[in-house]
């Protein structure tokens, strides 16, 4: 099963990373829907099919300047 994140992948990736890195839970799949990435200041990075840990602090949900 792959969790459906809709347009909230920006926030869900932090939850998945926390569960795996901090709590030691299994890695899980997380859906990636890139159609809104241009609207975020720091969009999620996916390389070779894997979410990359963000370099910026925060929840990555800040909107980009119009």
PDB file of N, CA and C in Angstrom:
ATOM      1  N   UNK A   1       0.842  -1.169   0.000  1.00  0.00           N
ATOM      2  CA  UNK A   1       0.000   0.000   0.000  1.00  0.00           C
ATOM      3  C   UNK A   1       0.889   1.234   0.000  1.00  0.00           C
ATOM      4  N   UNK A   2       0.513   2.217  -0.785  1.00  0.00           N
ATOM      5  CA  UNK A   2       1.219   3.486  -0.825  1.00  0.00           C
ATOM      6  C   UNK A   2       0.266   4.561  -0.314  1.00  0.00           C
ATOM      7  N   UNK A   3       0.614   5.262   0.771  1.00  0.00           N
ATOM      8  CA  UNK A   3      -0.279   6.310   1.277  1.00  0.00           C
ATOM      9  C   UNK A   3      -0.544   7.369   0.217  1.00  0.00           C
ATOM     10  N   UNK A   4      -1.808   7.755   0.080  1.00  0.00           N
ATOM     11  CA  UNK A   4      -2.188   8.817  -0.849  1.00  0.00           C
ATOM     12  C   UNK A   4      -2.059  10.145  -0.108  1.00  0.00           C
ATOM     13  N   UNK A   5      -1.149  10.985  -0.576  1.00  0.00           N
ATOM     14  CA  UNK A   5      -0.902  12.235   0.126  1.00  0.00           C
ATOM     15  C   UNK A   5      -1.566  13.418  -0.546  1.00  0.00           C
ATOM     16  N   UNK A   6      -2.143  13.209  -1.716  1.00  0.00           N
ATOM     17  CA  UNK A   6      -2.745  14.331  -2.420  1.00  0.00           C
ATOM     18  C   UNK A   6      -1.718  15.420  -2.622  1.00  0.00           C
ATOM     19  N   UNK A   7      -2.029  16.615  -2.233  1.00  0.00           N
ATOM     20  CA  UNK A   7      -1.119  17.737  -2.411  1.00  0.00           C
ATOM     21  C   UNK A   7      -0.288  18.009  -1.161  1.00  0.00           C
ATOM     22  N   UNK A   8      -0.311  17.125  -0.192  1.00  0.00           N
ATOM     23  CA  UNK A   8       0.371  17.369   1.069  1.00  0.00           C
ATOM     24  C   UNK A   8       1.668  16.573   1.209  1.00  0.00           C
ATOM     25  N   UNK A   9       2.244  16.126   0.111  1.00  0.00           N
ATOM     26  CA  UNK A   9       3.502  15.385   0.161  1.00  0.00           C
ATOM     27  C   UNK A   9       4.612  16.172   0.821  1.00  0.00           C
ATOM     28  N   UNK A  10       4.537  17.484   0.720  1.00  0.00           N
ATOM     29  CA  UNK A  10       5.545  18.336   1.349  1.00  0.00           C
ATOM     30  C   UNK A  10       5.641  18.063   2.845  1.00  0.00           C
ATOM     31  N   UNK A  11       4.514  17.866   3.487  1.00  0.00           N
ATOM     32  CA  UNK A  11       4.492  17.636   4.934  1.00  0.00           C
ATOM     33  C   UNK A  11       4.628  16.152   5.267  1.00  0.00           C
ATOM     34  N   UNK A  12       3.968  15.293   4.507  1.00  0.00           N
ATOM     35  CA  UNK A  12       4.006  13.865   4.789  1.00  0.00           C
ATOM     36  C   UNK A  12       5.408  13.285   4.728  1.00  0.00           C
ATOM     37  N   UNK A  13       6.269  13.816   3.863  1.00  0.00           N
ATOM     38  CA  UNK A  13       7.624  13.266   3.792  1.00  0.00           C
ATOM     39  C   UNK A  13       8.357  13.449   5.114  1.00  0.00           C
ATOM     40  N   UNK A  14       8.088  14.542   5.828  1.00  0.00           N
ATOM     41  CA  UNK A  14       8.721  14.753   7.130  1.00  0.00           C
ATOM     42  C   UNK A  14       8.245  13.705   8.132  1.00  0.00           C
ATOM     43  N   UNK A  15       6.967  13.363   8.070  1.00  0.00           N
ATOM     44  CA  UNK A  15       6.432  12.348   8.985  1.00  0.00           C
ATOM     45  C   UNK A  15       7.041  10.980   8.696  1.00  0.00           C
ATOM     46  N   UNK A  16       7.153  10.644   7.421  1.00  0.00           N
ATOM     47  CA  UNK A  16       7.748   9.366   7.031  1.00  0.00           C
ATOM     48  C   UNK A  16       9.215   9.308   7.470  1.00  0.00           C
ATOM     49  N   UNK A  17       9.953  10.396   7.223  1.00  0.00           N
ATOM     50  CA  UNK A  17      11.364  10.431   7.626  1.00  0.00           C
ATOM     51  C   UNK A  17      11.522  10.336   9.138  1.00  0.00           C
ATOM     52  N   UNK A  18      10.670  11.036   9.890  1.00  0.00           N
ATOM     53  CA  UNK A  18      10.728  10.980  11.351  1.00  0.00           C
ATOM     54  C   UNK A  18      10.477   9.555  11.841  1.00  0.00           C
ATOM     55  N   UNK A  19       9.438   8.927  11.294  1.00  0.00           N
ATOM     56  CA  UNK A  19       9.118   7.556  11.708  1.00  0.00           C
ATOM     57  C   UNK A  19      10.282   6.604  11.467  1.00  0.00           C
ATOM     58  N   UNK A  20      10.953   6.771  10.333  1.00  0.00           N
ATOM     59  CA  UNK A  20      12.049   5.859   9.989  1.00  0.00           C
ATOM     60  C   UNK A  20      13.341   6.197  10.740  1.00  0.00           C
ATOM     61  N   UNK A  21      13.744   7.476  10.710  1.00  0.00           N
ATOM     62  CA  UNK A  21      15.031   7.864  11.289  1.00  0.00           C
ATOM     63  C   UNK A  21      14.972   7.930  12.814  1.00  0.00           C
ATOM     64  N   UNK A  22      13.964   8.594  13.352  1.00  0.00           N
ATOM     65  CA  UNK A  22      13.917   8.808  14.805  1.00  0.00           C
ATOM     66  C   UNK A  22      13.325   7.636  15.582  1.00  0.00           C
ATOM     67  N   UNK A  23      12.332   6.985  15.001  1.00  0.00           N
ATOM     68  CA  UNK A  23      11.664   5.905  15.725  1.00  0.00           C
ATOM     69  C   UNK A  23      12.115   4.516  15.288  1.00  0.00           C
ATOM     70  N   UNK A  24      12.886   4.467  14.194  1.00  0.00           N
ATOM     71  CA  UNK A  24      13.391   3.182  13.734  1.00  0.00           C
ATOM     72  C   UNK A  24      12.351   2.292  13.083  1.00  0.00           C
ATOM     73  N   UNK A  25      11.242   2.872  12.648  1.00  0.00           N
ATOM     74  CA  UNK A  25      10.210   2.075  11.985  1.00  0.00           C
ATOM     75  C   UNK A  25      10.638   1.757  10.558  1.00  0.00           C
ATOM     76  N   UNK A  26       9.956   0.782   9.950  1.00  0.00           N
ATOM     77  CA  UNK A  26      10.279   0.387   8.586  1.00  0.00           C
ATOM     78  C   UNK A  26      10.146   1.551   7.618  1.00  0.00           C
ATOM     79  N   UNK A  27      10.911   1.489   6.533  1.00  0.00           N
ATOM     80  CA  UNK A  27      10.721   2.443   5.442  1.00  0.00           C
ATOM     81  C   UNK A  27       9.400   2.106   4.768  1.00  0.00           C
ATOM     82  N   UNK A  28       8.680   3.111   4.341  1.00  0.00           N
ATOM     83  CA  UNK A  28       7.427   2.880   3.625  1.00  0.00           C
ATOM     84  C   UNK A  28       7.438   3.689   2.331  1.00  0.00           C
ATOM     85  N   UNK A  29       6.590   3.277   1.425  1.00  0.00           N
ATOM     86  CA  UNK A  29       6.427   4.024   0.190  1.00  0.00           C
ATOM     87  C   UNK A  29       5.585   5.254   0.458  1.00  0.00           C
ATOM     88  N   UNK A  30       5.858   6.327  -0.268  1.00  0.00           N
ATOM     89  CA  UNK A  30       5.069   7.548  -0.152  1.00  0.00           C
ATOM     90  C   UNK A  30       4.833   8.073  -1.549  1.00  0.00           C
ATOM     91  N   UNK A  31       3.575   8.283  -1.858  1.00  0.00           N
ATOM     92  CA  UNK A  31       3.195   8.789  -3.172  1.00  0.00           C
ATOM     93  C   UNK A  31       3.844  10.145  -3.436  1.00  0.00           C
ATOM     94  N   UNK A  32       4.192  10.399  -4.685  1.00  0.00           N
ATOM     95  CA  UNK A  32       4.775  11.684  -5.079  1.00  0.00           C
ATOM     96  C   UNK A  32       3.926  12.280  -6.183  1.00  0.00           C
ATOM     97  N   UNK A  33       3.388  13.462  -5.936  1.00  0.00           N
ATOM     98  CA  UNK A  33       2.567  14.173  -6.919  1.00  0.00           C
ATOM     99  C   UNK A  33       3.214  15.531  -7.134  1.00  0.00           C
ATOM    100  N   UNK A  34       3.956  15.687  -8.231  1.00  0.00           N
ATOM    101  CA  UNK A  34       4.774  16.888  -8.411  1.00  0.00           C
ATOM    102  C   UNK A  34       4.078  18.110  -9.003  1.00  0.00           C
ATOM    103  N   UNK A  35       2.786  18.061  -9.281  1.00  0.00           N
ATOM    104  CA  UNK A  35       2.175  19.162 -10.028  1.00  0.00           C
ATOM    105  C   UNK A  35       2.123  20.496  -9.277  1.00  0.00           C
ATOM    106  N   UNK A  36       2.348  20.517  -7.974  1.00  0.00           N
ATOM    107  CA  UNK A  36       2.337  21.779  -7.224  1.00  0.00           C
ATOM    108  C   UNK A  36       3.727  22.235  -6.780  1.00  0.00           C
ATOM    109  N   UNK A  37       4.756  21.529  -7.191  1.00  0.00           N
ATOM    110  CA  UNK A  37       6.098  21.824  -6.686  1.00  0.00           C
ATOM    111  C   UNK A  37       6.546  23.253  -6.949  1.00  0.00           C
ATOM    112  N   UNK A  38       6.104  23.867  -8.033  1.00  0.00           N
ATOM    113  CA  UNK A  38       6.501  25.245  -8.344  1.00  0.00           C
ATOM    114  C   UNK A  38       5.907  26.270  -7.381  1.00  0.00           C
ATOM    115  N   UNK A  39       4.929  25.854  -6.598  1.00  0.00           N
ATOM    116  CA  UNK A  39       4.266  26.780  -5.671  1.00  0.00           C
ATOM    117  C   UNK A  39       4.915  26.818  -4.283  1.00  0.00           C
ATOM    118  N   UNK A  40       5.898  25.954  -4.047  1.00  0.00           N
ATOM    119  CA  UNK A  40       6.550  25.900  -2.741  1.00  0.00           C
ATOM    120  C   UNK A  40       7.944  26.511  -2.791  1.00  0.00           C
ATOM    121  N   UNK A  41       8.321  27.166  -1.709  1.00  0.00           N
ATOM    122  CA  UNK A  41       9.654  27.767  -1.609  1.00  0.00           C
ATOM    123  C   UNK A  41      10.744  26.693  -1.681  1.00  0.00           C
ATOM    124  N   UNK A  42      10.536  25.598  -0.978  1.00  0.00           N
ATOM    125  CA  UNK A  42      11.494  24.496  -0.965  1.00  0.00           C
ATOM    126  C   UNK A  42      10.753  23.197  -1.288  1.00  0.00           C
ATOM    127  N   UNK A  43      10.515  22.927  -2.557  1.00  0.00           N
ATOM    128  CA  UNK A  43       9.747  21.730  -2.921  1.00  0.00           C
ATOM    129  C   UNK A  43      10.496  20.440  -2.598  1.00  0.00           C
ATOM    130  N   UNK A  44       9.732  19.394  -2.415  1.00  0.00           N
ATOM    131  CA  UNK A  44      10.318  18.077  -2.152  1.00  0.00           C
ATOM    132  C   UNK A  44      11.209  17.676  -3.318  1.00  0.00           C
ATOM    133  N   UNK A  45      12.340  17.066  -2.978  1.00  0.00           N
ATOM    134  CA  UNK A  45      13.256  16.564  -4.002  1.00  0.00           C
ATOM    135  C   UNK A  45      13.155  15.044  -4.039  1.00  0.00           C
ATOM    136  N   UNK A  46      12.924  14.527  -5.229  1.00  0.00           N
ATOM    137  CA  UNK A  46      12.901  13.083  -5.426  1.00  0.00           C
ATOM    138  C   UNK A  46      13.961  12.765  -6.468  1.00  0.00           C
ATOM    139  N   UNK A  47      14.905  11.916  -6.098  1.00  0.00           N
ATOM    140  CA  UNK A  47      15.982  11.516  -6.999  1.00  0.00           C
ATOM    141  C   UNK A  47      16.047   9.995  -7.044  1.00  0.00           C
ATOM    142  N   UNK A  48      16.036   9.453  -8.243  1.00  0.00           N
ATOM    143  CA  UNK A  48      16.077   8.006  -8.436  1.00  0.00           C
ATOM    144  C   UNK A  48      14.965   7.308  -7.667  1.00  0.00           C
ATOM    145  N   UNK A  49      13.795   7.936  -7.637  1.00  0.00           N
ATOM    146  CA  UNK A  49      12.636   7.341  -6.993  1.00  0.00           C
ATOM    147  C   UNK A  49      12.616   7.413  -5.480  1.00  0.00           C
ATOM    148  N   UNK A  50      13.495   8.240  -4.888  1.00  0.00           N
ATOM    149  CA  UNK A  50      13.597   8.320  -3.425  1.00  0.00           C
ATOM    150  C   UNK A  50      13.493   9.775  -2.987  1.00  0.00           C
ATOM    151  N   UNK A  51      12.630  10.025  -1.990  1.00  0.00           N
ATOM    152  CA  UNK A  51      12.582  11.362  -1.393  1.00  0.00           C
ATOM    153  C   UNK A  51      13.922  11.651  -0.734  1.00  0.00           C
ATOM    154  N   UNK A  52      14.446  12.823  -0.937  1.00  0.00           N
ATOM    155  CA  UNK A  52      15.698  13.230  -0.305  1.00  0.00           C
ATOM    156  C   UNK A  52      15.401  14.034   0.949  1.00  0.00           C
ATOM    157  N   UNK A  53      16.226  13.855   1.956  1.00  0.00           N
ATOM    158  CA  UNK A  53      16.060  14.604   3.199  1.00  0.00           C
ATOM    159  C   UNK A  53      16.281  16.079   2.883  1.00  0.00           C
ATOM    160  N   UNK A  54      15.360  16.953   3.300  1.00  0.00           N
ATOM    161  CA  UNK A  54      15.506  18.379   2.991  1.00  0.00           C
ATOM    162  C   UNK A  54      16.709  18.992   3.708  1.00  0.00           C
ATOM    163  N   UNK A  55      17.314  19.963   3.063  1.00  0.00           N
ATOM    164  CA  UNK A  55      18.432  20.693   3.656  1.00  0.00           C
ATOM    165  C   UNK A  55      17.946  21.869   4.501  1.00  0.00           C
ATOM    166  N   UNK A  56      16.743  22.327   4.225  1.00  0.00           N
ATOM    167  CA  UNK A  56      16.189  23.496   4.906  1.00  0.00           C
ATOM    168  C   UNK A  56      15.442  23.077   6.169  1.00  0.00           C
ATOM    169  N   UNK A  57      15.418  23.963   7.152  1.00  0.00           N
ATOM    170  CA  UNK A  57      14.656  23.683   8.368  1.00  0.00           C
ATOM    171  C   UNK A  57      13.184  23.974   8.117  1.00  0.00           C
ATOM    172  N   UNK A  58      12.323  23.446   8.945  1.00  0.00           N
ATOM    173  CA  UNK A  58      10.896  23.710   8.844  1.00  0.00           C
ATOM    174  C   UNK A  58      10.130  22.565   8.213  1.00  0.00           C
ATOM    175  N   UNK A  59       8.847  22.807   7.954  1.00  0.00           N
ATOM    176  CA  UNK A  59       7.950  21.777   7.428  1.00  0.00           C
ATOM    177  C   UNK A  59       7.872  21.779   5.907  1.00  0.00           C
ATOM    178  N   UNK A  60       8.631  22.665   5.264  1.00  0.00           N
ATOM    179  CA  UNK A  60       8.662  22.736   3.792  1.00  0.00           C
ATOM    180  C   UNK A  60       7.323  23.085   3.173  1.00  0.00           C
ATOM    181  N   UNK A  61       6.478  23.779   3.900  1.00  0.00           N
ATOM    182  CA  UNK A  61       5.169  24.129   3.355  1.00  0.00           C
ATOM    183  C   UNK A  61       5.033  25.634   3.083  1.00  0.00           C
ATOM    184  N   UNK A  62       6.175  26.345   3.081  1.00  0.00           N
ATOM    185  CA  UNK A  62       6.128  27.776   2.778  1.00  0.00           C
ATOM    186  C   UNK A  62       5.893  27.959   1.282  1.00  0.00           C
ATOM    187  N   UNK A  63       4.968  28.843   0.950  1.00  0.00           N
ATOM    188  CA  UNK A  63       4.668  29.095  -0.460  1.00  0.00           C
ATOM    189  C   UNK A  63       5.729  29.992  -1.074  1.00  0.00           C
ATOM    190  N   UNK A  64       6.034  29.765  -2.331  1.00  0.00           N
ATOM    191  CA  UNK A  64       6.979  30.586  -3.067  1.00  0.00           C
ATOM    192  C   UNK A  64       6.357  31.943  -3.353  1.00  0.00           C
ATOM    193  N   UNK A  65       7.222  32.954  -3.482  1.00  0.00           N
ATOM    194  CA  UNK A  65       6.731  34.298  -3.824  1.00  0.00           C
ATOM    195  C   UNK A  65       6.098  34.259  -5.211  1.00  0.00           C
ATOM    196  N   UNK A  66       5.023  34.973  -5.354  1.00  0.00           N
ATOM    197  CA  UNK A  66       4.307  34.984  -6.650  1.00  0.00           C
ATOM    198  C   UNK A  66       5.068  35.726  -7.711  1.00  0.00           C
TER     199      UNK A  66
END
